[in-house]
Protein backbone atom coordinates (compact mmCIF):
# COMPACT_ATOMS: atom_id res chain seq x y z
CA MET A 1 -30.72 -2.74 -2.52
CA GLN A 2 -27.88 -0.24 -2.59
CA VAL A 3 -24.92 0.68 -0.42
CA ALA A 4 -23.22 3.95 0.38
CA VAL A 5 -19.49 4.30 -0.27
CA ILE A 6 -16.75 6.32 1.43
CA ILE A 7 -13.61 6.59 -0.69
CA SER A 8 -10.38 8.56 -0.16
CA SER A 9 -7.94 6.57 -2.29
CA ALA A 10 -7.69 5.57 -5.94
CA LEU A 11 -7.26 2.01 -4.61
CA GLY A 12 -11.04 1.86 -4.26
CA TRP A 13 -11.86 3.31 -7.68
CA PRO A 14 -12.13 0.00 -9.64
CA ALA A 15 -14.46 -1.37 -6.95
CA LEU A 16 -16.60 1.77 -6.96
CA GLN A 17 -16.92 1.63 -10.74
CA ALA A 18 -17.93 -2.04 -10.59
CA LEU A 19 -20.55 -1.37 -7.91
CA ALA A 20 -21.94 1.62 -9.82
CA ALA A 21 -22.23 -0.46 -13.00
CA GLN A 22 -24.49 -2.85 -11.04
CA GLY A 23 -26.65 0.01 -9.82
CA GLY A 24 -25.45 -0.74 -6.31
CA VAL A 25 -24.36 2.72 -5.12
CA ALA A 26 -26.84 5.11 -3.51
CA ALA A 27 -24.35 7.86 -2.66
CA VAL A 28 -20.63 8.50 -2.25
CA ALA A 29 -18.70 10.52 0.33
CA VAL A 30 -15.14 11.74 -0.27
CA PRO A 31 -13.21 13.13 2.73
CA TYR A 32 -11.20 16.34 2.67
CA CYS A 33 -7.92 14.64 3.58
CA PRO A 34 -4.36 14.36 2.23
CA PRO A 35 -3.31 13.94 -0.45
CA GLU A 36 -5.72 16.70 -1.48
CA ALA A 37 -4.97 16.32 -5.19
CA GLU A 38 -6.05 12.67 -5.08
CA THR A 39 -9.25 13.20 -3.08
CA ASP A 40 -10.24 16.21 -5.19
CA GLN A 41 -9.74 14.17 -8.34
CA LEU A 42 -11.79 11.30 -6.88
CA ALA A 43 -14.62 13.74 -6.14
CA GLN A 44 -14.57 14.88 -9.76
CA GLN A 45 -14.57 11.29 -11.02
CA VAL A 46 -17.51 10.37 -8.77
CA ALA A 47 -19.46 13.38 -10.05
CA ALA A 48 -18.68 12.29 -13.64
CA LEU A 49 -20.30 8.92 -12.88
CA GLY A 50 -23.49 10.78 -12.01
CA LEU A 51 -23.49 9.62 -8.39
CA PRO A 52 -24.61 11.89 -5.52
CA ILE A 53 -21.47 13.09 -3.73
CA THR A 54 -20.81 14.53 -0.28
CA ARG A 55 -17.50 15.87 1.03
CA LEU A 56 -16.58 15.03 4.64
CA ALA A 57 -14.54 17.14 7.07
CA ARG A 58 -12.85 15.67 10.13
CA GLN A 59 -14.08 18.34 12.55
CA GLN A 60 -17.76 17.36 12.30
CA LEU A 61 -17.37 13.83 10.96
CA GLY A 62 -19.97 12.14 13.18
CA ALA A 63 -22.70 14.72 12.58
CA ASP A 64 -22.00 14.89 8.85
CA LEU A 65 -22.10 11.09 8.47
CA ALA A 66 -25.37 10.84 10.41
CA ALA A 67 -26.97 13.57 8.30
CA TRP A 68 -25.68 11.93 5.11
CA LEU A 69 -27.02 8.47 5.99
CA GLU A 70 -30.43 9.48 7.36
CA PRO A 71 -32.27 9.85 4.01
CA LEU A 72 -30.47 7.00 2.22
CA ALA A 73 -32.04 3.92 3.86
CA ILE A 74 -29.10 1.72 2.89
CA GLU A 75 -28.00 -1.63 4.37
CA ALA A 76 -24.27 -0.92 4.68
CA VAL A 77 -21.50 1.59 4.07
CA LEU A 78 -18.44 0.33 2.21
CA VAL A 79 -15.23 2.13 3.12
CA PHE A 80 -12.16 2.36 0.90
CA THR A 81 -9.51 3.91 3.16
CA LEU A 82 -10.64 6.49 5.68
CA PRO A 83 -7.90 7.88 7.97
CA TRP A 84 -10.29 8.98 10.74
CA ARG A 85 -12.08 7.17 13.55
CA ILE A 86 -15.88 6.98 13.11
CA PRO A 87 -17.97 7.43 16.29
CA ALA A 88 -19.50 4.18 17.56
CA ALA A 89 -23.05 5.60 17.42
CA VAL A 90 -22.63 6.28 13.70
CA LEU A 91 -21.13 2.83 13.01
CA ALA A 92 -24.38 1.32 14.32
CA LEU A 93 -26.69 3.29 11.99
CA PRO A 94 -26.71 0.99 8.92
CA PRO A 95 -28.15 -2.50 9.65
CA GLN A 96 -24.99 -4.21 8.30
CA GLY A 97 -22.64 -1.54 9.67
CA PHE A 98 -19.60 0.01 8.02
CA LEU A 99 -17.56 -2.54 6.04
CA ASN A 100 -13.94 -1.53 5.55
CA PHE A 101 -11.72 -2.81 2.73
CA HIS A 102 -8.31 -3.37 4.34
CA LEU A 103 -5.70 -4.23 1.73
CA ALA A 104 -3.67 -6.70 3.79
CA PRO A 105 -4.26 -9.85 5.86
CA LEU A 106 -5.87 -9.37 9.27
CA PRO A 107 -5.05 -9.48 12.12
CA ALA A 108 -1.35 -9.84 11.23
CA TYR A 109 -1.09 -6.59 9.25
CA ARG A 110 -3.18 -3.89 10.86
CA GLY A 111 -2.24 -0.27 10.31
CA PRO A 112 -2.30 2.55 7.73
CA GLU A 113 0.53 1.32 5.43
CA PRO A 114 0.58 -2.48 5.50
CA LEU A 115 1.80 -2.87 1.89
CA PHE A 116 5.25 -1.54 2.77
CA TRP A 117 5.63 -3.97 5.66
CA LEU A 118 4.31 -6.96 3.69
CA LEU A 119 7.01 -6.47 1.05
CA ARG A 120 9.72 -5.46 3.52
CA ASN A 121 9.09 -8.64 5.52
CA GLY A 122 9.19 -10.85 2.44
CA GLU A 123 5.63 -12.15 2.68
CA ALA A 124 4.44 -14.32 -0.21
CA THR A 125 0.76 -13.37 0.05
CA GLY A 126 -1.24 -10.21 0.67
CA ALA A 127 -5.02 -9.93 0.81
CA VAL A 128 -8.15 -7.89 0.31
CA THR A 129 -9.84 -8.18 3.70
CA VAL A 130 -13.34 -6.86 4.38
CA HIS A 131 -14.13 -6.35 8.04
CA ARG A 132 -16.89 -4.69 10.01
CA MET A 133 -15.56 -1.50 11.54
CA ASP A 134 -15.65 -1.07 15.31
CA ALA A 135 -14.21 1.36 17.86
CA ASP A 136 -10.58 0.46 17.07
CA PHE A 137 -8.65 0.56 13.82
CA ASP A 138 -8.66 -2.73 11.83
CA THR A 139 -9.93 -4.85 14.72
CA GLY A 140 -13.54 -5.61 13.76
CA PRO A 141 -14.82 -9.05 12.72
CA VAL A 142 -13.83 -10.21 9.23
CA VAL A 143 -16.55 -10.69 6.63
CA LEU A 144 -14.49 -11.75 3.61
CA THR A 145 -10.83 -12.37 2.73
CA GLU A 146 -9.41 -12.70 -0.78
CA PRO A 147 -5.71 -13.74 -0.83
CA VAL A 148 -3.51 -11.93 -3.37
CA PRO A 149 -0.10 -13.47 -4.15
CA ILE A 150 3.01 -11.28 -3.99
CA GLY A 151 5.34 -12.15 -6.85
CA PRO A 152 9.12 -12.29 -6.31
CA GLY A 153 9.60 -9.08 -8.31
CA ASP A 154 6.49 -7.20 -7.19
CA THR A 155 7.03 -3.62 -6.11
CA HIS A 156 4.78 -1.60 -3.82
CA GLY A 157 3.14 -0.09 -6.90
CA LEU A 158 2.57 -3.44 -8.64
CA HIS A 159 1.06 -5.11 -5.59
CA ARG A 160 -1.08 -2.03 -4.90
CA ALA A 161 -2.49 -2.22 -8.44
CA GLN A 162 -3.19 -5.94 -8.05
CA LEU A 163 -5.04 -5.30 -4.79
CA ALA A 164 -7.15 -2.55 -6.37
CA GLY A 165 -8.11 -4.93 -9.17
CA ARG A 166 -9.02 -7.75 -6.79
CA ALA A 167 -11.11 -5.43 -4.62
CA ALA A 168 -13.66 -5.00 -7.44
CA PRO A 169 -14.91 -8.63 -7.59
CA VAL A 170 -14.77 -8.78 -3.78
CA ALA A 171 -17.05 -5.73 -3.62
CA LEU A 172 -19.47 -7.30 -6.12
CA HIS A 173 -19.51 -10.54 -4.08
CA LEU A 174 -20.32 -8.49 -1.01
CA LEU A 175 -23.11 -6.61 -2.81
CA ALA A 176 -24.62 -9.88 -4.07
CA SER A 177 -24.61 -11.25 -0.53
CA LEU A 178 -26.30 -8.13 0.85
CA ARG A 179 -28.92 -8.38 -1.91
CA GLY A 180 -29.63 -12.03 -1.10
CA GLN A 181 -28.22 -13.17 -4.45
CA ALA A 182 -25.36 -15.06 -2.78
CA PRO A 183 -24.96 -16.81 0.58
CA LEU A 184 -25.02 -14.50 3.57
CA LEU A 185 -21.55 -13.52 4.79
CA THR A 186 -21.19 -13.94 8.54
CA PRO A 187 -18.65 -11.74 10.38
CA VAL A 188 -16.03 -13.78 12.23
CA ALA A 189 -13.82 -12.48 15.03
CA GLN A 190 -10.22 -11.92 13.95
CA GLU A 191 -8.11 -14.91 14.81
CA GLY A 192 -5.30 -17.09 13.50
CA ALA A 193 -2.04 -15.19 13.00
CA PRO A 194 -0.81 -13.07 15.91
CA ALA A 195 -2.32 -9.58 15.78
CA ARG A 196 0.07 -6.72 15.08
CA TYR A 197 -0.39 -3.04 14.30
CA TRP A 198 2.21 -1.66 11.87
CA PRO A 199 2.81 2.12 11.97
CA ARG A 200 3.55 4.34 9.01
CA PRO A 201 7.18 3.84 7.94
CA ALA A 202 9.56 6.38 9.46
CA LEU A 203 12.68 7.75 7.79
CA ALA A 204 14.86 5.07 9.37
CA ASP A 205 12.61 2.37 7.91
CA VAL A 206 13.26 3.43 4.29
CA CYS A 207 17.05 3.84 4.54
CA VAL A 208 19.44 1.22 3.16
CA ARG A 209 21.69 -0.50 5.69
CA TRP A 210 24.46 -1.93 3.56
CA SER A 211 25.38 -4.39 6.30
CA GLU A 212 22.09 -6.26 5.67
CA PRO A 213 22.02 -9.27 3.33
CA ALA A 214 21.36 -8.52 -0.33
CA VAL A 215 17.87 -10.06 -0.34
CA ALA A 216 16.78 -7.91 2.62
CA ILE A 217 17.90 -4.73 0.84
CA GLU A 218 16.18 -5.85 -2.37
CA ARG A 219 12.92 -6.30 -0.44
CA LEU A 220 13.27 -2.78 0.97
CA VAL A 221 13.82 -1.38 -2.52
CA ARG A 222 10.67 -3.06 -3.83
CA ALA A 223 8.70 -1.90 -0.78
CA THR A 224 9.61 1.75 -1.42
CA ASN A 225 9.01 1.84 -5.19
CA PRO A 226 7.34 4.11 -6.18
CA TRP A 227 5.77 5.80 -3.15
CA ASN A 228 9.09 6.89 -1.58
CA ARG A 229 10.91 7.04 -4.92
CA GLY A 230 13.02 4.16 -3.68
CA ALA A 231 15.21 3.23 -0.71
CA LEU A 232 17.57 5.93 0.54
CA ALA A 233 21.38 5.87 0.52
CA THR A 234 23.98 8.50 -0.42
CA LEU A 235 26.47 8.91 -3.25
CA ARG A 236 29.17 11.57 -2.81
CA GLY A 237 27.07 13.24 -0.15
CA GLN A 238 23.99 13.41 -2.36
CA PRO A 239 20.79 11.41 -1.70
CA LEU A 240 20.67 8.27 -3.83
CA ARG A 241 17.40 6.37 -4.19
CA LEU A 242 17.49 2.72 -5.19
CA LEU A 243 14.52 1.81 -7.41
CA SER A 244 15.52 -1.59 -8.77
CA VAL A 245 18.32 -3.94 -7.72
CA THR A 246 19.33 -7.56 -8.25
CA PRO A 247 20.71 -9.54 -5.29
CA HIS A 248 23.59 -11.95 -5.78
CA PRO A 249 24.67 -13.93 -2.70
CA GLN A 250 28.01 -14.93 -4.25
CA ALA A 251 29.09 -11.82 -6.18
CA ALA A 252 31.61 -10.64 -3.60
CA THR A 253 35.13 -11.85 -4.40
CA GLY A 254 36.64 -11.09 -1.01
CA PRO A 255 36.22 -9.05 2.17
CA ALA A 256 34.84 -5.58 1.38
CA THR A 257 33.23 -2.83 3.40
CA PRO A 258 29.46 -2.94 2.84
CA GLY A 259 28.49 -0.19 0.38
CA THR A 260 31.73 -0.50 -1.64
CA VAL A 261 31.47 -0.83 -5.43
CA LEU A 262 32.94 -4.26 -6.29
CA HIS A 263 32.42 -4.46 -10.05
CA ALA A 264 31.71 -1.81 -12.68
CA ASP A 265 31.75 -2.92 -16.28
CA ARG A 266 29.34 -3.04 -19.23
CA THR A 267 28.91 -6.81 -19.06
CA ALA A 268 28.53 -7.52 -15.34
CA GLY A 269 26.96 -4.19 -14.38
CA LEU A 270 27.57 -2.18 -11.23
CA TRP A 271 27.75 -4.32 -8.09
CA VAL A 272 27.87 -3.09 -4.48
CA ALA A 273 28.99 -5.08 -1.42
CA CYS A 274 26.37 -5.93 1.20
CA GLY A 275 26.39 -7.81 4.48
CA ALA A 276 27.22 -11.52 4.80
CA GLY A 277 29.73 -11.28 1.93
CA GLU A 278 26.92 -10.67 -0.57
CA ALA A 279 26.35 -8.04 -3.25
CA LEU A 280 23.66 -6.16 -5.17
CA ARG A 281 23.57 -5.02 -8.76
CA LEU A 282 22.21 -1.48 -9.15
CA ASP A 283 19.69 -1.62 -12.01
CA MET A 284 17.85 1.71 -11.60
CA VAL A 285 18.48 4.61 -9.23
CA ALA A 286 17.41 8.23 -8.81
CA LEU A 287 19.55 11.28 -8.12
CA ASP A 288 18.58 14.94 -8.10
CA GLU A 289 19.65 15.02 -11.75
CA GLY A 290 17.21 12.27 -12.77
CA TYR A 291 16.85 8.50 -13.11
CA PHE A 292 19.85 6.39 -14.10
CA THR A 293 20.73 2.80 -14.88
CA GLY A 294 23.83 1.23 -13.37
CA LEU A 295 25.59 1.72 -16.71
CA GLN A 296 24.76 5.41 -16.67
CA LEU A 297 26.16 5.69 -13.13
CA MET A 298 29.42 4.29 -14.49
CA GLN A 299 29.34 6.95 -17.19
CA LEU A 300 29.08 9.51 -14.37
CA GLY A 301 32.36 8.15 -13.02
CA VAL A 302 31.16 5.71 -10.36
CA GLY A 303 33.71 2.91 -10.30
CA VAL A 304 35.31 0.12 -8.31
CA GLY A 305 36.29 1.15 -4.79
CA GLU A 306 33.80 4.00 -4.46
CA VAL A 307 31.68 3.75 -1.32
CA LEU A 308 27.94 4.35 -1.19
CA ASN A 309 27.10 5.49 2.31
CA GLU A 310 24.05 5.15 4.48
CA PHE A 311 21.64 8.10 4.51
CA GLN A 312 22.06 10.43 7.46
CA ARG A 313 19.27 12.86 8.30
């Protein structure tokens, strides 16, 4: 027994490789969707595995999927990120339906970019969640959930890599169940945590607000590294992206305007005032000129009393 796979993100590549190694993949479809460089590369990698490959366009998605599935006689389609809605008639074609790998807990973290919000909100655990796709996004019954811890220093990139790695054994478990080599997995309606759909982060969501507590800003920095090249602020009118910071709730020595540099020396580092009388150490930042440590910012002349401002569009 084999499955078909739709993949549009490198997040699904370890799982696809694992399934292919088990002889579990009948065919693969790769959409023509942004980022084009990533999907084109995935198509090349799939071809290198020797798997039959089809490219999907949004304009005729339903007809193309139906034509693709008709000769395959597969039990299920596994989906690793597809940004488009699949017509209900097509979802019903495979006996076990379309099974989507959503890389966050459901129903609490529905939406296209849940990793950002998981980190921004300070959650301790993410998840690889497999659910049967239905007419809405991320609402179908859950087949399998694999919790994935979020470490205190995990960035968006680190947690993303951990999720991609965990998705591979989850996919093999799913394949074994479909083949009758493991207990049958029964879809269960989404329940438990309150359901919420999280949109793609807007510009305002990735900008530093210096009046926030240090820990909240540190979470934002981790949530934007590397996909946004960090959290946005400004230095001398130039965009400044924070890539790594260290919060210190007691570093402030007195009242200071949030964003003001409090300390700048080789031993203590470069510390900036935040809300609630707290401070952050700048460990790694990006300017148009390149990437810099806090020490290198001091070498550029950033010193005590200088104010880092909030980013204005």
